[in-house]
């Protein structure tokens, strides 16, 4: 069973939340809030590094930030669509946390 979060941030790629809201995440954790990140894709189309490197960086960033949870939904980078399957994946993650 997943831990209930105070804040759940969603980004298209691993590192998007850290780049766009890393300070907010760090401050929220420092204030005692349970924070998690859900990445939609593995970032496999990135021009700098591989999906495996992004996964390792995401794991390191999660530890540094003190995240309570992190999950990757594995949607196709650059090609994820607004469809029932993807919506259900996001809804499931929201309900889980």
Protein backbone atom coordinates (compact mmCIF):
# COMPACT_ATOMS: atom_id res chain seq x y z
CA UNK A 1 0.00 0.00 0.00
CA UNK A 2 1.32 3.41 -0.95
CA UNK A 3 1.94 6.21 1.51
CA UNK A 4 -0.49 9.10 1.27
CA UNK A 5 1.30 12.22 0.09
CA UNK A 6 0.78 15.86 0.98
CA UNK A 7 2.12 16.90 -2.43
CA UNK A 8 2.37 14.93 -5.65
CA UNK A 9 4.18 16.55 -8.57
CA UNK A 10 3.80 15.17 -12.09
CA UNK A 11 6.36 15.69 -14.86
CA UNK A 12 6.68 14.46 -18.43
CA UNK A 13 10.28 13.31 -17.95
CA UNK A 14 12.55 12.37 -15.07
CA UNK A 15 14.18 15.67 -13.99
CA UNK A 16 11.30 17.93 -15.11
CA UNK A 17 9.94 18.38 -11.58
CA UNK A 18 13.43 18.93 -10.17
CA UNK A 19 14.14 21.61 -12.80
CA UNK A 20 10.78 23.36 -12.51
CA UNK A 21 9.93 22.96 -8.83
CA UNK A 22 12.96 21.47 -7.06
CA UNK A 23 13.22 24.27 -4.50
CA UNK A 24 9.52 23.98 -3.66
CA UNK A 25 9.87 20.22 -3.25
CA UNK A 26 12.94 20.61 -1.01
CA UNK A 27 11.27 23.27 1.14
CA UNK A 28 8.09 21.20 1.50
CA UNK A 29 10.10 18.15 2.62
CA UNK A 30 12.05 20.34 5.06
CA UNK A 31 8.71 21.46 6.52
CA UNK A 32 7.80 17.82 7.15
CA UNK A 33 5.47 17.25 4.23
CA UNK A 34 5.39 13.95 2.37
CA UNK A 35 6.22 14.67 -1.27
CA UNK A 36 6.26 12.37 -4.26
CA UNK A 37 6.98 12.64 -7.96
CA UNK A 38 5.30 10.80 -10.81
CA UNK A 39 7.18 10.85 -14.12
CA UNK A 40 5.10 10.07 -17.20
CA UNK A 41 7.96 8.80 -19.41
CA UNK A 42 11.48 7.44 -19.02
CA UNK A 43 12.86 10.27 -21.15
CA UNK A 44 14.17 7.86 -23.76
CA UNK A 45 14.21 10.48 -26.54
CA UNK A 46 16.41 12.88 -24.60
CA UNK A 47 19.38 14.28 -26.49
CA UNK A 48 21.58 14.24 -23.37
CA UNK A 49 21.85 10.81 -21.83
CA UNK A 50 19.87 7.59 -21.96
CA UNK A 51 16.72 6.47 -20.18
CA UNK A 52 18.95 4.38 -17.90
CA UNK A 53 21.02 7.42 -16.95
CA UNK A 54 17.87 9.44 -16.29
CA UNK A 55 16.57 6.64 -14.06
CA UNK A 56 19.79 6.69 -12.04
CA UNK A 57 19.71 10.49 -11.78
CA UNK A 58 16.06 10.40 -10.71
CA UNK A 59 16.91 7.90 -7.98
CA UNK A 60 19.77 10.09 -6.74
CA UNK A 61 17.61 13.23 -6.85
CA UNK A 62 14.86 11.44 -4.93
CA UNK A 63 17.30 10.60 -2.14
CA UNK A 64 18.77 14.11 -2.05
CA UNK A 65 15.32 15.74 -1.95
CA UNK A 66 14.02 13.26 0.63
CA UNK A 67 11.02 12.15 -1.42
CA UNK A 68 8.52 9.80 0.14
CA UNK A 69 7.68 8.21 -3.22
CA UNK A 70 8.64 8.26 -6.87
CA UNK A 71 7.02 6.39 -9.72
CA UNK A 72 7.50 6.27 -13.47
CA UNK A 73 4.43 5.43 -15.57
CA UNK A 74 6.50 4.35 -18.60
CA UNK A 75 4.53 6.19 -21.27
CA UNK A 76 6.22 6.62 -24.66
CA UNK A 77 8.43 9.72 -24.60
CA UNK A 78 7.34 12.22 -27.22
CA UNK A 79 4.34 10.12 -28.23
CA UNK A 80 2.18 9.71 -25.16
CA UNK A 81 -1.40 10.47 -26.00
CA UNK A 82 -4.54 11.71 -24.34
CA UNK A 83 -6.30 8.36 -24.28
CA UNK A 84 -8.09 6.11 -21.83
CA UNK A 85 -5.06 3.93 -21.04
CA UNK A 86 -2.82 6.87 -20.15
CA UNK A 87 -5.57 8.66 -18.24
CA UNK A 88 -6.21 5.53 -16.20
CA UNK A 89 -2.49 5.28 -15.39
CA UNK A 90 -2.45 8.86 -14.09
CA UNK A 91 -5.74 8.45 -12.21
CA UNK A 92 -4.42 5.27 -10.59
CA UNK A 93 -1.27 7.08 -9.44
CA UNK A 94 -3.30 9.98 -8.02
CA UNK A 95 -5.58 7.61 -6.12
CA UNK A 96 -2.60 5.54 -4.93
CA UNK A 97 -0.92 8.53 -3.30
